[in-house]
Amino acid sequence: MTPDVMTVAPHDPSRDLSRRSLDRRQVLVAGLAASALLATAAVPSPAAAAAGPAAGITGRRTSLPTARLPRPTGPYAVGTVALHLVDRSRAEPWVPGTSARRELMVSLWYPARPGGSAHPVPQMTAGAAAHFGSAEGAAAMNLGMAPGSVDWGATLTHAHEAAPVDHRAGQLPVVLYSPGLGDPRTWNTTLVEDLASRGYAVVTIDHTHEATEVEFPDGRLATMRIFDRVPPTDPEAISALLEKAVAVRVADSRFVLDELARLNRTRFGGALDLRRVGMFGQSAGGFTAAQTMHDDRRFLAGINMDGEMDYVGGREPDGTHLSGVALDGLDRPLLLMGSGSEGSGDCRQQPSWAAFWANTRGWKADVTLTGSRHASYTDAGVLLPRLARQGAVPEGGLAGAVGTVPSHRALAANRAYVASFFGRWLRGHDDHLLDGPSERFPEMVFAR
């Protein structure tokens, strides 16, 4: 299927980003050992990077470890389409000095009728999967996986390409997903597919040149460029970079929502209900969701999964460089989901979360998944344990990457709380899971 190419009018975006994501990139760019403040697994050492097969994997490596994504739990089958979008109103912000306009790849996931492609689509395209597993990819940088140690291209989704929309689901509330810094849009497919199977249209966004790789339909691979011109040891320069990065992410998100209005008319027969729009994301993506809500009132509800909301360019958050959403709060609902990583958890342990908590006027809740780590809110939580059983273990061990919470419990909790939140605020169906501690999920601790 040939993705669509479209344009839209300019926006006036704002700002923000996550300290934990910053630390990971600082370590990468400076070539240093992992910081003790990293909330995800350590960046692999040069020795570990050299231990795996060569980084430039181009073909399928069927002898390598592979993993399967867990099945969605909703009543509907899942369809998906990949879309190539071009915002001709914006120059490409991370490659200055060219005439390039801002290009994005997004995927739309939705409840589907049987039909479409005969086989489920892969989680990642071949070129993206090869780079994801290389020394420059997010698997090494964010998870500590040895380059070339996993056949990432072998993982299949449960979705069928271009399957017809299942109109039994009615008009579909729309939820945008923004990934963590460096991660591709595909790195929370488990949660995205589950929402789609429950009757949502979910749009995942690749933030070009911020993700370690984005593959376009013509085979071009856009790699990470955001640190090209930033001194890795200059806190003020990095703070400015973080502010720019979130401004770009917010502009991306608003552009995508504008494009959905056109797609809804021309391609989806009005199946998308653009009066009911939410957003969620992990790490920098969670920050992006909150800041996008702050800047654009079309976004009615959001979830921030373990993303701080400041522009701190050094190692320690100190309540400075706060974002607009932290300073102003929101008048619409936002769920904070913390992890067991250092500096996360209860909002009172994080200056930017504490500021948001004090300043917000809308509904809010703050939950922490006991025994989790930063990456527990991504596909790492379910895929890494399966890969570890085949010998592909992150540097620093599995617990360092995804914590000690059993993967099936983390999966069930993530799915239940995300579905409960959007069910309550986009569909008017309150299952009361967010009212307080639940016997069903004793691992999920509420801040009081």
Protein backbone atom coordinates (compact mmCIF):
# COMPACT_ATOMS: atom_id res chain seq x y z
CA MET A 1 0.00 0.00 0.00
CA THR A 2 1.31 3.46 -0.87
CA PRO A 3 1.20 5.85 2.09
CA ASP A 4 -0.46 9.23 1.66
CA VAL A 5 1.43 12.54 1.40
CA MET A 6 -0.31 15.67 2.69
CA THR A 7 0.14 19.27 3.80
CA VAL A 8 -1.43 21.59 6.34
CA ALA A 9 -1.23 25.15 7.64
CA PRO A 10 1.43 26.18 10.21
CA HIS A 11 1.01 26.10 13.98
CA ASP A 12 2.34 28.14 16.85
CA PRO A 13 3.72 25.36 19.13
CA SER A 14 5.26 25.57 22.62
CA ARG A 15 7.92 23.51 24.39
CA ASP A 16 9.43 20.81 26.81
CA LEU A 17 11.17 17.28 27.41
CA SER A 18 12.37 14.51 29.81
CA ARG A 19 15.54 14.54 31.91
CA ARG A 20 15.82 10.79 31.80
CA SER A 21 15.72 10.80 28.01
CA LEU A 22 18.31 13.58 28.03
CA ASP A 23 20.68 11.56 30.22
CA ARG A 24 20.53 8.64 27.83
CA ARG A 25 21.39 10.83 24.86
CA GLN A 26 24.14 12.65 26.77
CA VAL A 27 25.77 9.34 27.57
CA LEU A 28 25.51 8.28 23.94
CA VAL A 29 26.89 11.46 22.41
CA ALA A 30 29.66 11.96 24.93
CA GLY A 31 30.70 8.32 24.74
CA LEU A 32 30.60 8.04 28.53
CA ALA A 33 29.59 5.22 30.83
CA ALA A 34 25.92 5.18 31.83
CA SER A 35 24.80 7.67 34.41
CA ALA A 36 23.47 6.44 37.72
CA LEU A 37 20.46 8.63 37.10
CA LEU A 38 19.41 6.83 33.94
CA ALA A 39 15.90 5.50 34.31
CA THR A 40 16.32 2.93 31.58
CA ALA A 41 18.96 0.29 31.03
CA ALA A 42 22.54 1.44 30.62
CA VAL A 43 23.94 2.21 27.21
CA PRO A 44 26.13 -0.79 26.33
CA SER A 45 29.84 -0.39 26.82
CA PRO A 46 32.12 -0.46 23.76
CA ALA A 47 33.08 -4.02 24.67
CA ALA A 48 29.45 -5.10 24.80
CA ALA A 49 28.73 -3.35 21.53
CA ALA A 50 31.53 -5.27 19.88
CA ALA A 51 30.39 -8.57 21.34
CA GLY A 52 27.35 -9.04 19.12
CA PRO A 53 27.22 -9.59 15.36
CA ALA A 54 28.04 -6.64 13.13
CA ALA A 55 25.75 -3.66 13.43
CA GLY A 56 24.89 -3.48 9.76
CA ILE A 57 22.34 -6.27 9.64
CA THR A 58 20.53 -6.18 6.32
CA GLY A 59 19.04 -9.65 5.95
CA ARG A 60 16.84 -11.79 8.17
CA ARG A 61 18.81 -13.68 10.83
CA THR A 62 16.46 -16.52 11.66
CA SER A 63 18.97 -18.12 14.03
CA LEU A 64 18.82 -15.08 16.29
CA PRO A 65 16.38 -14.83 19.22
CA THR A 66 12.89 -13.66 18.32
CA ALA A 67 9.84 -12.72 20.39
CA ARG A 68 6.09 -12.50 19.92
CA LEU A 69 3.79 -9.72 20.99
CA PRO A 70 0.92 -10.71 23.29
CA ARG A 71 -2.55 -10.82 21.80
CA PRO A 72 -4.89 -7.83 22.21
CA THR A 73 -7.74 -8.37 24.66
CA GLY A 74 -10.58 -6.34 23.10
CA PRO A 75 -13.53 -7.72 21.13
CA TYR A 76 -12.38 -6.44 17.73
CA ALA A 77 -9.76 -7.53 15.22
CA VAL A 78 -7.17 -4.85 14.43
CA GLY A 79 -6.29 -3.12 11.19
CA THR A 80 -3.47 -0.70 10.47
CA VAL A 81 -2.25 1.67 7.77
CA ALA A 82 1.07 3.50 7.55
CA LEU A 83 0.91 7.11 6.36
CA HIS A 84 3.63 9.39 5.02
CA LEU A 85 2.80 13.00 5.90
CA VAL A 86 4.58 16.17 4.77
CA ASP A 87 4.02 19.50 6.50
CA ARG A 88 5.03 21.97 3.81
CA SER A 89 4.53 24.87 6.21
CA ARG A 90 7.54 23.80 8.29
CA ALA A 91 11.20 23.45 7.40
CA GLU A 92 12.91 20.32 8.70
CA PRO A 93 14.14 21.58 12.11
CA TRP A 94 16.96 19.07 12.65
CA VAL A 95 18.70 19.39 9.27
CA PRO A 96 19.25 23.13 8.79
CA GLY A 97 20.48 24.66 5.57
CA THR A 98 18.34 22.56 3.27
CA SER A 99 15.00 23.05 1.56
CA ALA A 100 13.56 19.92 3.16
CA ARG A 101 10.11 20.19 4.71
CA ARG A 102 9.01 18.33 7.83
CA GLU A 103 8.22 14.70 6.96
CA LEU A 104 6.62 12.22 9.33
CA MET A 105 5.66 8.58 9.32
CA VAL A 106 2.60 7.66 11.37
CA SER A 107 0.52 4.51 11.72
CA LEU A 108 -3.21 4.37 12.32
CA TRP A 109 -4.54 1.36 14.27
CA TYR A 110 -8.28 0.67 14.46
CA PRO A 111 -10.94 -2.01 14.98
CA ALA A 112 -11.26 -3.97 11.75
CA ARG A 113 -13.37 -6.54 9.99
CA PRO A 114 -11.68 -9.67 8.66
CA GLY A 115 -9.97 -8.93 5.38
CA GLY A 116 -7.01 -6.95 4.14
CA SER A 117 -3.60 -8.63 4.00
CA ALA A 118 -3.36 -12.38 4.54
CA HIS A 119 -0.74 -12.11 7.27
CA PRO A 120 -0.29 -9.71 10.19
CA VAL A 121 2.13 -6.88 9.48
CA PRO A 122 5.60 -6.86 11.10
CA GLN A 123 6.12 -4.61 14.08
CA MET A 124 8.90 -2.77 12.19
CA THR A 125 9.79 -2.46 8.53
CA ALA A 126 12.89 -4.38 7.51
CA GLY A 127 15.18 -1.36 7.25
CA ALA A 128 13.96 0.16 10.50
CA ALA A 129 14.30 -3.15 12.35
CA ALA A 130 17.88 -3.62 11.17
CA HIS A 131 18.89 -0.15 12.33
CA PHE A 132 16.91 -0.46 15.59
CA GLY A 133 19.09 -3.48 16.46
CA SER A 134 22.40 -1.89 15.41
CA ALA A 135 24.94 -0.08 17.56
CA GLU A 136 23.26 3.23 16.65
CA GLY A 137 19.72 2.00 17.29
CA ALA A 138 17.40 2.34 20.24
CA ALA A 139 17.78 -1.31 21.28
CA ALA A 140 21.41 -0.65 22.17
CA MET A 141 21.08 2.98 23.27
CA ASN A 142 17.94 2.74 25.38
CA LEU A 143 17.86 -0.90 26.42
CA GLY A 144 21.46 -2.07 26.58
CA MET A 145 20.93 -4.87 24.03
CA ALA A 146 24.07 -6.02 22.21
CA PRO A 147 23.97 -4.94 18.56
CA GLY A 148 22.88 -7.71 16.23
CA SER A 149 21.77 -9.98 19.07
CA VAL A 150 18.04 -10.11 18.19
CA ASP A 151 16.06 -10.52 14.98
CA TRP A 152 13.81 -7.51 15.58
CA GLY A 153 12.34 -7.80 12.10
CA ALA A 154 10.76 -11.16 12.94
CA THR A 155 8.26 -9.74 15.44
CA LEU A 156 4.74 -9.64 14.00
CA THR A 157 1.79 -7.58 15.14
CA HIS A 158 -1.77 -8.90 15.27
CA ALA A 159 -2.96 -6.26 12.80
CA HIS A 160 -3.78 -6.62 9.11
CA GLU A 161 -2.81 -3.93 6.67
CA ALA A 162 -5.68 -1.90 5.21
CA ALA A 163 -8.36 -4.16 6.67
CA PRO A 164 -11.81 -2.51 6.48
CA VAL A 165 -12.99 -0.61 9.55
CA ASP A 166 -15.41 -2.58 11.73
CA HIS A 167 -18.35 -0.19 11.96
CA ARG A 168 -19.87 -2.20 14.81
CA ALA A 169 -17.46 -0.24 16.99
CA GLY A 170 -19.31 2.99 16.13
CA GLN A 171 -17.47 6.25 15.77
CA LEU A 172 -13.97 5.83 17.10
CA PRO A 173 -12.42 8.05 19.78
CA VAL A 174 -8.95 9.08 18.60
CA VAL A 175 -5.80 8.67 20.70
CA LEU A 176 -2.33 9.85 19.61
CA TYR A 177 0.82 8.12 20.87
CA SER A 178 4.25 9.78 21.15
CA PRO A 179 7.26 7.54 21.95
CA GLY A 180 10.24 8.20 24.17
CA LEU A 181 13.29 10.07 22.91
CA GLY A 182 15.14 7.82 20.48
CA ASP A 183 12.37 5.23 20.32
CA PRO A 184 10.36 4.57 17.14
CA ARG A 185 6.59 4.81 16.92
CA THR A 186 6.43 1.01 16.90
CA TRP A 187 7.87 0.61 20.40
CA ASN A 188 4.56 0.36 22.25
CA THR A 189 2.65 -1.81 19.80
CA THR A 190 1.40 -4.11 22.58
CA LEU A 191 -0.52 -1.29 24.23
CA VAL A 192 -1.56 0.41 20.98
CA GLU A 193 -3.04 -2.77 19.51
CA ASP A 194 -4.96 -3.43 22.70
CA LEU A 195 -6.58 0.01 22.62
CA ALA A 196 -7.50 -0.45 18.97
CA SER A 197 -9.08 -3.82 19.76
CA ARG A 198 -11.25 -2.05 22.34
CA GLY A 199 -12.69 0.37 19.78
CA TYR A 200 -10.23 3.27 19.50
CA ALA A 201 -8.37 4.74 16.55
CA VAL A 202 -4.78 5.06 17.75
CA VAL A 203 -2.21 7.08 15.82
CA THR A 204 1.47 6.45 16.53
CA ILE A 205 3.95 9.17 15.55
CA ASP A 206 7.61 8.93 14.51
CA HIS A 207 9.42 12.16 15.40
CA THR A 208 11.86 12.28 12.49
CA HIS A 209 15.59 12.68 13.29
CA GLU A 210 14.75 12.26 16.96
CA ALA A 211 13.93 8.57 16.71
CA THR A 212 17.06 6.52 16.01
CA GLU A 213 15.51 5.60 12.68
CA VAL A 214 12.46 6.34 10.53
CA GLU A 215 12.01 4.43 7.27
CA PHE A 216 10.07 6.18 4.50
CA PRO A 217 8.17 4.44 1.69
CA ASP A 218 10.94 5.09 -0.85
CA GLY A 219 13.46 3.26 1.35
CA ARG A 220 15.13 6.36 2.84
CA LEU A 221 16.20 5.90 6.44
CA ALA A 222 16.20 9.10 8.49
CA THR A 223 18.44 8.64 11.53
CA MET A 224 18.91 10.61 14.75
CA ARG A 225 20.29 14.09 14.15
CA ILE A 226 19.18 16.14 17.15
CA PHE A 227 22.56 16.07 18.87
CA ASP A 228 24.60 16.98 15.79
CA ARG A 229 25.28 20.56 16.88
CA VAL A 230 24.97 20.37 20.67
CA PRO A 231 28.01 20.23 22.99
CA PRO A 232 27.23 17.15 25.13
CA THR A 233 28.68 18.68 28.31
CA ASP A 234 26.98 22.09 28.11
CA PRO A 235 23.87 22.02 30.35
CA GLU A 236 22.43 25.25 28.99
CA ALA A 237 22.82 24.10 25.40
CA ILE A 238 21.13 20.83 26.25
CA SER A 239 18.31 22.64 28.06
CA ALA A 240 17.74 24.71 24.92
CA LEU A 241 17.79 21.54 22.84
CA LEU A 242 15.17 19.92 25.05
CA GLU A 243 12.93 22.96 24.77
CA LYS A 244 13.26 22.86 20.99
CA ALA A 245 12.65 19.10 20.89
CA VAL A 246 9.34 19.32 22.70
CA ALA A 247 8.29 22.31 20.62
CA VAL A 248 8.92 20.20 17.51
CA ARG A 249 7.06 17.24 19.02
CA VAL A 250 4.05 19.39 19.91
CA ALA A 251 4.01 20.82 16.38
CA ASP A 252 4.20 17.28 14.98
CA SER A 253 1.25 16.19 17.13
CA ARG A 254 -0.93 19.15 16.20
CA PHE A 255 -0.12 18.69 12.52
CA VAL A 256 -1.08 15.01 12.70
CA LEU A 257 -4.41 15.86 14.31
CA ASP A 258 -5.10 18.39 11.55
CA GLU A 259 -4.31 15.75 8.94
CA LEU A 260 -6.68 13.29 10.58
CA ALA A 261 -9.57 15.64 9.81
CA ARG A 262 -8.76 15.38 6.11
CA LEU A 263 -8.14 11.64 6.27
CA ASN A 264 -11.43 11.16 8.05
CA ARG A 265 -13.26 12.73 5.11
CA THR A 266 -11.26 11.23 2.26
CA ARG A 267 -10.26 7.81 3.52
CA PHE A 268 -12.09 6.64 6.62
CA GLY A 269 -15.66 7.60 5.82
CA GLY A 270 -16.13 9.66 8.96
CA ALA A 271 -15.30 6.73 11.27
CA LEU A 272 -12.98 8.88 13.42
CA ASP A 273 -14.65 10.97 16.11
CA LEU A 274 -12.41 14.02 16.25
CA ARG A 275 -14.55 15.56 18.99
CA ARG A 276 -13.08 12.93 21.36
CA VAL A 277 -9.29 13.12 21.16
CA GLY A 278 -6.72 12.05 23.74
CA MET A 279 -2.98 11.52 23.80
CA PHE A 280 -0.46 9.43 25.71
CA GLY A 281 3.22 8.71 25.56
CA GLN A 282 6.18 7.23 27.39
CA SER A 283 9.10 9.27 28.77
CA ALA A 284 9.58 12.28 26.45
CA GLY A 285 6.36 11.16 24.78
CA GLY A 286 4.48 11.47 28.06
CA PHE A 287 5.87 14.98 28.45
CA THR A 288 4.80 15.67 24.86
CA ALA A 289 1.25 14.49 25.58
CA ALA A 290 0.95 16.83 28.57
CA GLN A 291 2.46 19.82 26.78
CA THR A 292 0.33 19.24 23.69
CA MET A 293 -2.77 19.31 25.88
CA HIS A 294 -1.50 22.57 27.38
CA ASP A 295 -1.06 24.13 23.93
CA ASP A 296 -4.07 22.72 22.08
CA ARG A 297 -7.52 22.40 23.62
CA ARG A 298 -8.63 19.82 21.07
CA PHE A 299 -6.81 17.25 23.21
CA LEU A 300 -9.25 16.39 25.99
CA ALA A 301 -7.32 13.88 28.10
CA GLY A 302 -3.77 12.56 28.38
CA ILE A 303 -1.42 10.11 30.06
CA ASN A 304 2.20 10.83 30.92
CA MET A 305 4.04 7.53 31.36
CA ASP A 306 7.19 8.34 33.35
CA GLY A 307 8.21 11.54 31.57
CA GLU A 308 9.51 14.50 33.56
CA MET A 309 8.25 17.89 32.47
CA ASP A 310 11.24 20.21 32.60
CA TYR A 311 14.25 21.19 30.52
CA VAL A 312 17.00 20.38 32.97
CA GLY A 313 20.31 20.21 31.12
CA GLY A 314 22.34 18.82 34.01
CA ARG A 315 22.18 15.70 36.10
CA GLU A 316 19.85 16.78 38.90
CA PRO A 317 16.34 18.23 38.64
CA ASP A 318 16.08 21.29 40.86
CA GLY A 319 12.72 22.83 40.04
CA THR A 320 14.16 25.17 37.40
CA HIS A 321 13.63 25.12 33.64
CA LEU A 322 10.03 24.07 34.19
CA SER A 323 7.76 23.60 31.21
CA GLY A 324 4.59 25.53 30.48
CA VAL A 325 2.41 22.59 31.50
CA ALA A 326 4.27 22.22 34.81
CA LEU A 327 3.96 25.93 35.56
CA ASP A 328 0.35 26.37 34.44
CA GLY A 329 -1.17 22.94 35.02
CA LEU A 330 -4.22 21.78 33.07
CA ASP A 331 -7.97 22.09 33.34
CA ARG A 332 -8.50 18.68 31.67
CA PRO A 333 -7.64 15.21 33.01
CA LEU A 334 -4.07 13.90 33.03
CA LEU A 335 -2.87 10.61 34.49
CA LEU A 336 0.73 10.39 35.72
CA MET A 337 2.19 6.86 35.65
CA GLY A 338 5.50 6.58 37.49
CA SER A 339 8.01 3.75 37.72
CA GLY A 340 10.32 2.32 40.37
CA SER A 341 13.33 3.99 38.75
CA GLU A 342 15.33 6.52 40.73
CA GLY A 343 13.70 9.94 40.67
CA SER A 344 10.34 8.58 39.57
CA GLY A 345 7.31 7.30 41.45
CA ASP A 346 5.33 9.62 43.69
CA CYS A 347 4.97 13.09 42.16
CA ARG A 348 6.51 14.65 45.27
CA GLN A 349 9.85 13.05 44.30
CA GLN A 350 9.98 14.92 40.97
CA PRO A 351 10.05 18.75 40.95
CA SER A 352 8.32 19.07 37.57
CA TRP A 353 5.56 16.62 38.54
CA ALA A 354 5.16 18.32 41.92
CA ALA A 355 4.77 21.70 40.20
CA PHE A 356 2.19 20.29 37.81
CA TRP A 357 0.32 18.65 40.70
CA ALA A 358 0.13 21.93 42.60
CA ASN A 359 -0.85 24.04 39.60
CA THR A 360 -3.31 21.83 37.77
CA ARG A 361 -7.05 22.40 38.08
CA GLY A 362 -8.33 19.40 36.16
CA TRP A 363 -8.76 15.81 37.28
CA LYS A 364 -5.45 14.16 38.07
CA ALA A 365 -4.07 10.93 39.48
CA ASP A 366 -0.57 9.62 40.08
CA VAL A 367 0.10 5.88 40.11
CA THR A 368 3.35 3.91 40.34
CA LEU A 369 3.86 0.35 39.12
CA THR A 370 5.83 -1.30 41.92
CA GLY A 371 8.99 -3.07 40.78
CA SER A 372 8.96 -1.41 37.36
CA ARG A 373 11.59 0.55 35.47
CA HIS A 374 11.38 3.33 32.90
CA ALA A 375 11.13 0.90 29.97
CA SER A 376 8.37 -1.14 31.63
CA TYR A 377 5.87 1.18 29.96
CA THR A 378 7.03 0.09 26.47
CA ASP A 379 7.22 -3.18 24.55
CA ALA A 380 10.45 -3.87 26.43
CA GLY A 381 8.33 -5.05 29.36
CA VAL A 382 6.96 -8.01 27.40
CA LEU A 383 9.62 -8.64 24.74
CA LEU A 384 12.83 -8.49 26.77
CA PRO A 385 11.90 -11.29 29.21
CA ARG A 386 11.09 -13.56 26.25
CA LEU A 387 14.36 -12.67 24.54
CA ALA A 388 16.32 -13.15 27.75
CA ARG A 389 15.09 -16.74 27.98
CA GLN A 390 16.78 -17.27 24.60
CA GLY A 391 20.06 -15.77 25.79
CA ALA A 392 19.64 -12.16 24.61
CA VAL A 393 20.02 -10.36 27.94
CA PRO A 394 20.43 -6.57 28.27
CA GLU A 395 23.72 -5.35 29.66
CA GLY A 396 23.19 -4.93 33.37
CA GLY A 397 20.63 -7.72 33.47
CA LEU A 398 16.94 -8.01 32.76
CA ALA A 399 15.88 -6.44 36.07
CA GLY A 400 17.96 -3.36 35.28
CA ALA A 401 15.99 -2.84 32.09
CA VAL A 402 12.42 -3.73 33.07
CA GLY A 403 12.50 -4.22 36.82
CA THR A 404 11.29 -7.11 38.93
CA VAL A 405 7.55 -6.88 38.32
CA PRO A 406 6.44 -10.04 36.42
CA SER A 407 5.95 -9.14 32.78
CA HIS A 408 2.39 -10.50 32.64
CA ARG A 409 1.40 -8.38 35.63
CA ALA A 410 2.98 -5.24 34.18
CA LEU A 411 1.23 -5.90 30.88
CA ALA A 412 -2.17 -6.42 32.50
CA ALA A 413 -1.80 -3.29 34.65
CA ASN A 414 -0.66 -1.06 31.78
CA ARG A 415 -3.51 -2.17 29.57
CA ALA A 416 -6.12 -1.90 32.31
CA TYR A 417 -5.18 1.59 33.55
CA VAL A 418 -4.76 3.10 30.08
CA ALA A 419 -8.08 1.63 28.93
CA SER A 420 -9.79 2.73 32.14
CA PHE A 421 -8.54 6.30 31.73
CA PHE A 422 -9.56 6.77 28.12
CA GLY A 423 -12.79 4.87 28.70
CA ARG A 424 -13.70 7.31 31.45
CA TRP A 425 -12.72 10.54 29.71
CA LEU A 426 -13.34 9.81 26.01
CA ARG A 427 -16.25 7.35 26.19
CA GLY A 428 -18.01 8.17 29.46
CA HIS A 429 -17.58 4.58 30.70
CA ASP A 430 -16.16 4.68 34.23
CA ASP A 431 -15.05 1.31 35.62
CA HIS A 432 -13.82 3.08 38.81
CA LEU A 433 -10.35 1.53 38.56
CA LEU A 434 -8.87 5.03 38.89
CA ASP A 435 -10.79 5.82 42.07
CA GLY A 436 -8.02 4.40 44.25
CA PRO A 437 -6.08 1.21 45.10
CA SER A 438 -7.50 -1.96 43.59
CA GLU A 439 -7.33 -5.56 44.78
CA ARG A 440 -7.00 -6.52 41.12
CA PHE A 441 -3.72 -4.63 40.82
CA PRO A 442 -1.95 -4.42 44.17
CA GLU A 443 1.24 -3.54 42.25
CA MET A 444 -0.23 -0.15 41.34
CA VAL A 445 0.28 2.35 44.16
CA PHE A 446 -1.62 5.66 44.24
CA ALA A 447 0.04 8.87 45.43
CA ARG A 448 -1.87 10.56 48.22
